[in-house]
Amino acid sequence: MEIVTSRAVTPERSTQMLELLKRDYAGKSTDADDQGHGFTGIALSGLEGIKLWSKAGWTSTTRHDAAYLEMPDGSRFVLVTFTTDHATSATSFPQWRES
């Protein structure tokens, strides 16, 4: 969150960092490790107007993602997901939808 609010570094550097973290979950990808599609972006598939910035990481036993989201209504939040024993499972990040 400190990157988004420009408290970690200067506003100019924060903008540069956010540009690197910006994800296009709406596009197509065949790479299960694509950070826009293989992690938190999975849950956003088919939804419109949500902005996503994230940084994923994985090892031989873990699969994690830290995401900053801005919703169409203006609400913003950070979602961090940690897993163990699901490193190769693209479905370890659940599908979620509003009811």
N, C-alpha and C. Protein backbone atom coordinates (compact mmCIF):
# COMPACT_ATOMS: atom_id res chain seq x y z
N MET A 1 0.82 -1.19 0.00
CA MET A 1 0.00 0.00 0.00
C MET A 1 0.87 1.26 0.00
N GLU A 2 2.06 1.18 0.57
CA GLU A 2 2.93 2.34 0.62
C GLU A 2 3.38 2.77 -0.77
N ILE A 3 3.45 1.84 -1.72
CA ILE A 3 3.80 2.20 -3.09
C ILE A 3 2.64 3.01 -3.69
N VAL A 4 1.41 2.55 -3.49
CA VAL A 4 0.23 3.21 -4.05
C VAL A 4 0.07 4.61 -3.47
N THR A 5 0.35 4.78 -2.20
CA THR A 5 0.18 6.07 -1.54
C THR A 5 1.44 6.94 -1.60
N SER A 6 2.46 6.47 -2.31
CA SER A 6 3.74 7.20 -2.48
C SER A 6 4.46 7.45 -1.16
N ARG A 7 4.30 6.54 -0.20
CA ARG A 7 5.00 6.69 1.07
C ARG A 7 6.28 5.87 1.13
N ALA A 8 6.45 4.91 0.22
CA ALA A 8 7.65 4.07 0.23
C ALA A 8 8.82 4.80 -0.41
N VAL A 9 8.53 5.50 -1.49
CA VAL A 9 9.55 6.24 -2.24
C VAL A 9 8.90 7.51 -2.78
N THR A 10 9.60 8.25 -3.62
CA THR A 10 9.05 9.49 -4.16
C THR A 10 7.83 9.19 -5.04
N PRO A 11 6.96 10.16 -5.24
CA PRO A 11 5.82 9.95 -6.12
C PRO A 11 6.23 9.50 -7.53
N GLU A 12 7.30 10.05 -8.04
CA GLU A 12 7.76 9.65 -9.37
C GLU A 12 8.17 8.18 -9.40
N ARG A 13 8.90 7.74 -8.41
CA ARG A 13 9.31 6.33 -8.33
C ARG A 13 8.11 5.43 -8.08
N SER A 14 7.16 5.89 -7.29
CA SER A 14 5.94 5.11 -7.06
C SER A 14 5.21 4.88 -8.37
N THR A 15 5.11 5.91 -9.19
CA THR A 15 4.45 5.79 -10.49
C THR A 15 5.17 4.77 -11.36
N GLN A 16 6.50 4.81 -11.35
CA GLN A 16 7.28 3.85 -12.14
C GLN A 16 7.05 2.42 -11.63
N MET A 17 7.02 2.25 -10.32
CA MET A 17 6.81 0.93 -9.74
C MET A 17 5.41 0.41 -10.07
N LEU A 18 4.42 1.26 -9.97
CA LEU A 18 3.04 0.85 -10.27
C LEU A 18 2.91 0.44 -11.74
N GLU A 19 3.60 1.11 -12.61
CA GLU A 19 3.55 0.75 -14.02
C GLU A 19 4.07 -0.67 -14.23
N LEU A 20 5.10 -1.05 -13.48
CA LEU A 20 5.64 -2.41 -13.57
C LEU A 20 4.69 -3.45 -12.98
N LEU A 21 3.87 -3.05 -12.02
CA LEU A 21 2.96 -3.96 -11.33
C LEU A 21 1.57 -4.03 -11.96
N LYS A 22 1.29 -3.17 -12.93
CA LYS A 22 -0.02 -3.11 -13.57
C LYS A 22 -0.27 -4.41 -14.34
N ARG A 23 -1.46 -5.01 -14.17
CA ARG A 23 -1.79 -6.29 -14.81
C ARG A 23 -3.04 -6.16 -15.67
N ASP A 24 -3.00 -6.81 -16.82
CA ASP A 24 -4.15 -6.88 -17.72
C ASP A 24 -4.75 -8.27 -17.62
N TYR A 25 -5.71 -8.44 -16.72
CA TYR A 25 -6.34 -9.75 -16.53
C TYR A 25 -7.37 -10.04 -17.61
N ALA A 26 -7.79 -9.02 -18.35
CA ALA A 26 -8.83 -9.20 -19.36
C ALA A 26 -8.30 -9.79 -20.66
N GLY A 27 -7.02 -9.66 -20.92
CA GLY A 27 -6.45 -10.20 -22.14
C GLY A 27 -6.34 -11.72 -22.08
N LYS A 28 -5.76 -12.28 -23.09
CA LYS A 28 -5.60 -13.74 -23.16
C LYS A 28 -4.15 -14.10 -22.88
N SER A 29 -3.94 -15.26 -22.25
CA SER A 29 -2.61 -15.77 -22.00
C SER A 29 -2.66 -17.29 -21.91
N THR A 30 -1.67 -17.94 -22.46
CA THR A 30 -1.57 -19.40 -22.34
C THR A 30 -0.53 -19.78 -21.30
N ASP A 31 0.06 -18.78 -20.65
CA ASP A 31 1.09 -19.01 -19.64
C ASP A 31 0.44 -19.05 -18.25
N ALA A 32 0.44 -20.22 -17.62
CA ALA A 32 -0.18 -20.37 -16.30
C ALA A 32 0.52 -19.53 -15.24
N ASP A 33 1.74 -19.09 -15.51
CA ASP A 33 2.48 -18.28 -14.55
C ASP A 33 2.44 -16.79 -14.90
N ASP A 34 1.64 -16.41 -15.88
CA ASP A 34 1.46 -15.00 -16.23
C ASP A 34 0.82 -14.32 -15.02
N GLN A 35 1.45 -13.28 -14.51
CA GLN A 35 0.97 -12.65 -13.28
C GLN A 35 -0.37 -11.94 -13.44
N GLY A 36 -0.80 -11.68 -14.65
CA GLY A 36 -2.12 -11.10 -14.85
C GLY A 36 -3.22 -12.12 -14.95
N HIS A 37 -2.84 -13.39 -15.17
CA HIS A 37 -3.84 -14.43 -15.41
C HIS A 37 -3.70 -15.65 -14.50
N GLY A 38 -2.52 -15.92 -13.99
CA GLY A 38 -2.30 -17.15 -13.24
C GLY A 38 -2.41 -17.02 -11.73
N PHE A 39 -2.84 -15.88 -11.24
CA PHE A 39 -2.90 -15.66 -9.80
C PHE A 39 -4.22 -14.95 -9.47
N THR A 40 -4.20 -13.80 -8.81
CA THR A 40 -5.43 -13.10 -8.46
C THR A 40 -6.27 -12.77 -9.69
N GLY A 41 -5.64 -12.52 -10.82
CA GLY A 41 -6.36 -12.20 -12.04
C GLY A 41 -7.37 -13.26 -12.46
N ILE A 42 -7.15 -14.51 -12.05
CA ILE A 42 -8.09 -15.58 -12.35
C ILE A 42 -9.48 -15.23 -11.82
N ALA A 43 -9.54 -14.69 -10.62
CA ALA A 43 -10.83 -14.37 -10.00
C ALA A 43 -11.53 -13.20 -10.68
N LEU A 44 -10.78 -12.40 -11.44
CA LEU A 44 -11.36 -11.23 -12.08
C LEU A 44 -11.81 -11.48 -13.51
N SER A 45 -11.49 -12.64 -14.03
CA SER A 45 -11.82 -12.98 -15.41
C SER A 45 -13.30 -12.77 -15.68
N GLY A 46 -13.61 -12.04 -16.73
CA GLY A 46 -15.00 -11.79 -17.09
C GLY A 46 -15.60 -10.56 -16.44
N LEU A 47 -14.92 -9.99 -15.47
CA LEU A 47 -15.41 -8.78 -14.81
C LEU A 47 -14.80 -7.57 -15.50
N GLU A 48 -15.49 -6.45 -15.47
CA GLU A 48 -14.99 -5.26 -16.14
C GLU A 48 -14.83 -4.11 -15.15
N GLY A 49 -13.90 -3.23 -15.47
CA GLY A 49 -13.76 -2.00 -14.71
C GLY A 49 -12.89 -2.08 -13.48
N ILE A 50 -12.38 -3.25 -13.16
CA ILE A 50 -11.51 -3.40 -12.00
C ILE A 50 -10.07 -3.18 -12.46
N LYS A 51 -9.33 -2.40 -11.69
CA LYS A 51 -7.92 -2.18 -11.99
C LYS A 51 -7.10 -3.04 -11.05
N LEU A 52 -6.06 -3.68 -11.60
CA LEU A 52 -5.25 -4.64 -10.84
C LEU A 52 -3.78 -4.32 -10.97
N TRP A 53 -3.11 -4.26 -9.82
CA TRP A 53 -1.66 -4.20 -9.74
C TRP A 53 -1.26 -5.34 -8.81
N SER A 54 -0.24 -6.11 -9.17
CA SER A 54 0.10 -7.25 -8.32
C SER A 54 1.54 -7.69 -8.50
N LYS A 55 1.98 -8.48 -7.53
CA LYS A 55 3.29 -9.12 -7.60
C LYS A 55 3.14 -10.52 -7.05
N ALA A 56 3.38 -11.49 -7.90
CA ALA A 56 3.26 -12.90 -7.52
C ALA A 56 4.64 -13.50 -7.32
N GLY A 57 4.64 -14.61 -6.64
CA GLY A 57 5.87 -15.36 -6.45
C GLY A 57 5.54 -16.81 -6.18
N TRP A 58 6.43 -17.69 -6.57
CA TRP A 58 6.22 -19.10 -6.32
C TRP A 58 7.55 -19.82 -6.20
N THR A 59 7.52 -20.91 -5.47
CA THR A 59 8.68 -21.78 -5.30
C THR A 59 8.22 -23.20 -5.62
N SER A 60 9.01 -24.17 -5.25
CA SER A 60 8.61 -25.56 -5.51
C SER A 60 7.41 -26.00 -4.67
N THR A 61 7.11 -25.27 -3.58
CA THR A 61 5.99 -25.67 -2.72
C THR A 61 4.97 -24.56 -2.47
N THR A 62 5.23 -23.35 -2.87
CA THR A 62 4.34 -22.23 -2.55
C THR A 62 3.90 -21.48 -3.79
N ARG A 63 2.79 -20.79 -3.66
CA ARG A 63 2.28 -19.91 -4.72
C ARG A 63 1.59 -18.74 -4.01
N HIS A 64 2.10 -17.54 -4.19
CA HIS A 64 1.61 -16.37 -3.47
C HIS A 64 1.30 -15.23 -4.43
N ASP A 65 0.47 -14.29 -3.99
CA ASP A 65 0.23 -13.07 -4.75
C ASP A 65 -0.18 -11.97 -3.79
N ALA A 66 0.35 -10.78 -4.02
CA ALA A 66 -0.06 -9.57 -3.31
C ALA A 66 -0.65 -8.65 -4.36
N ALA A 67 -1.90 -8.25 -4.17
CA ALA A 67 -2.59 -7.46 -5.19
C ALA A 67 -3.23 -6.23 -4.59
N TYR A 68 -3.20 -5.16 -5.36
CA TYR A 68 -3.92 -3.94 -5.05
C TYR A 68 -5.00 -3.81 -6.10
N LEU A 69 -6.24 -3.62 -5.67
CA LEU A 69 -7.37 -3.54 -6.59
C LEU A 69 -8.15 -2.25 -6.38
N GLU A 70 -8.59 -1.67 -7.49
CA GLU A 70 -9.51 -0.54 -7.46
C GLU A 70 -10.78 -0.98 -8.17
N MET A 71 -11.90 -0.90 -7.47
CA MET A 71 -13.18 -1.34 -7.99
C MET A 71 -13.87 -0.20 -8.75
N PRO A 72 -14.81 -0.54 -9.64
CA PRO A 72 -15.52 0.50 -10.39
C PRO A 72 -16.23 1.53 -9.52
N ASP A 73 -16.65 1.15 -8.31
CA ASP A 73 -17.34 2.09 -7.43
C ASP A 73 -16.38 2.99 -6.65
N GLY A 74 -15.06 2.83 -6.89
CA GLY A 74 -14.06 3.66 -6.22
C GLY A 74 -13.44 3.03 -5.00
N SER A 75 -13.99 1.93 -4.53
CA SER A 75 -13.38 1.28 -3.37
C SER A 75 -12.05 0.66 -3.78
N ARG A 76 -11.14 0.60 -2.82
CA ARG A 76 -9.79 0.09 -3.07
C ARG A 76 -9.41 -0.83 -1.93
N PHE A 77 -8.66 -1.88 -2.25
CA PHE A 77 -8.19 -2.76 -1.19
C PHE A 77 -6.97 -3.56 -1.63
N VAL A 78 -6.31 -4.11 -0.64
CA VAL A 78 -5.15 -4.98 -0.85
C VAL A 78 -5.59 -6.39 -0.51
N LEU A 79 -5.27 -7.34 -1.37
CA LEU A 79 -5.58 -8.75 -1.15
C LEU A 79 -4.27 -9.53 -1.28
N VAL A 80 -3.92 -10.25 -0.24
CA VAL A 80 -2.71 -11.07 -0.26
C VAL A 80 -3.11 -12.51 -0.05
N THR A 81 -2.63 -13.38 -0.93
CA THR A 81 -2.94 -14.80 -0.85
C THR A 81 -1.64 -15.58 -0.72
N PHE A 82 -1.58 -16.44 0.29
CA PHE A 82 -0.44 -17.33 0.50
C PHE A 82 -0.93 -18.76 0.41
N THR A 83 -0.22 -19.62 -0.28
CA THR A 83 -0.56 -21.04 -0.31
C THR A 83 0.68 -21.87 -0.02
N THR A 84 0.47 -23.10 0.38
CA THR A 84 1.55 -24.07 0.48
C THR A 84 1.06 -25.36 -0.18
N ASP A 85 1.98 -26.09 -0.74
CA ASP A 85 1.69 -27.35 -1.43
C ASP A 85 0.77 -27.18 -2.64
N HIS A 86 0.78 -26.00 -3.26
CA HIS A 86 -0.02 -25.75 -4.47
C HIS A 86 0.79 -24.99 -5.52
N ALA A 87 2.08 -25.16 -5.52
CA ALA A 87 2.96 -24.37 -6.38
C ALA A 87 2.64 -24.50 -7.86
N THR A 88 2.22 -25.65 -8.30
CA THR A 88 1.98 -25.86 -9.72
C THR A 88 0.50 -25.81 -10.10
N SER A 89 -0.34 -25.44 -9.16
CA SER A 89 -1.78 -25.43 -9.41
C SER A 89 -2.28 -24.01 -9.69
N ALA A 90 -2.62 -23.75 -10.94
CA ALA A 90 -3.17 -22.45 -11.30
C ALA A 90 -4.54 -22.24 -10.68
N THR A 91 -5.20 -23.31 -10.25
CA THR A 91 -6.52 -23.19 -9.65
C THR A 91 -6.46 -23.02 -8.13
N SER A 92 -5.28 -22.84 -7.57
CA SER A 92 -5.18 -22.64 -6.13
C SER A 92 -5.71 -21.27 -5.72
N PHE A 93 -5.86 -20.37 -6.69
CA PHE A 93 -6.48 -19.08 -6.43
C PHE A 93 -7.94 -19.20 -6.84
N PRO A 94 -8.85 -19.16 -5.87
CA PRO A 94 -10.25 -19.50 -6.17
C PRO A 94 -10.95 -18.47 -7.03
N GLN A 95 -11.96 -18.93 -7.71
CA GLN A 95 -12.85 -18.06 -8.46
C GLN A 95 -13.81 -17.45 -7.44
N TRP A 96 -14.04 -16.17 -7.48
CA TRP A 96 -15.02 -15.53 -6.61
C TRP A 96 -15.83 -14.55 -7.42
N ARG A 97 -17.06 -14.41 -7.02
CA ARG A 97 -17.97 -13.51 -7.70
C ARG A 97 -18.91 -12.89 -6.67
N GLU A 98 -19.37 -11.67 -6.97
CA GLU A 98 -20.41 -11.07 -6.15
C GLU A 98 -21.71 -11.79 -6.43
N SER A 99 -22.53 -11.96 -5.42
CA SER A 99 -23.83 -12.60 -5.60
C SER A 99 -24.87 -11.57 -5.94
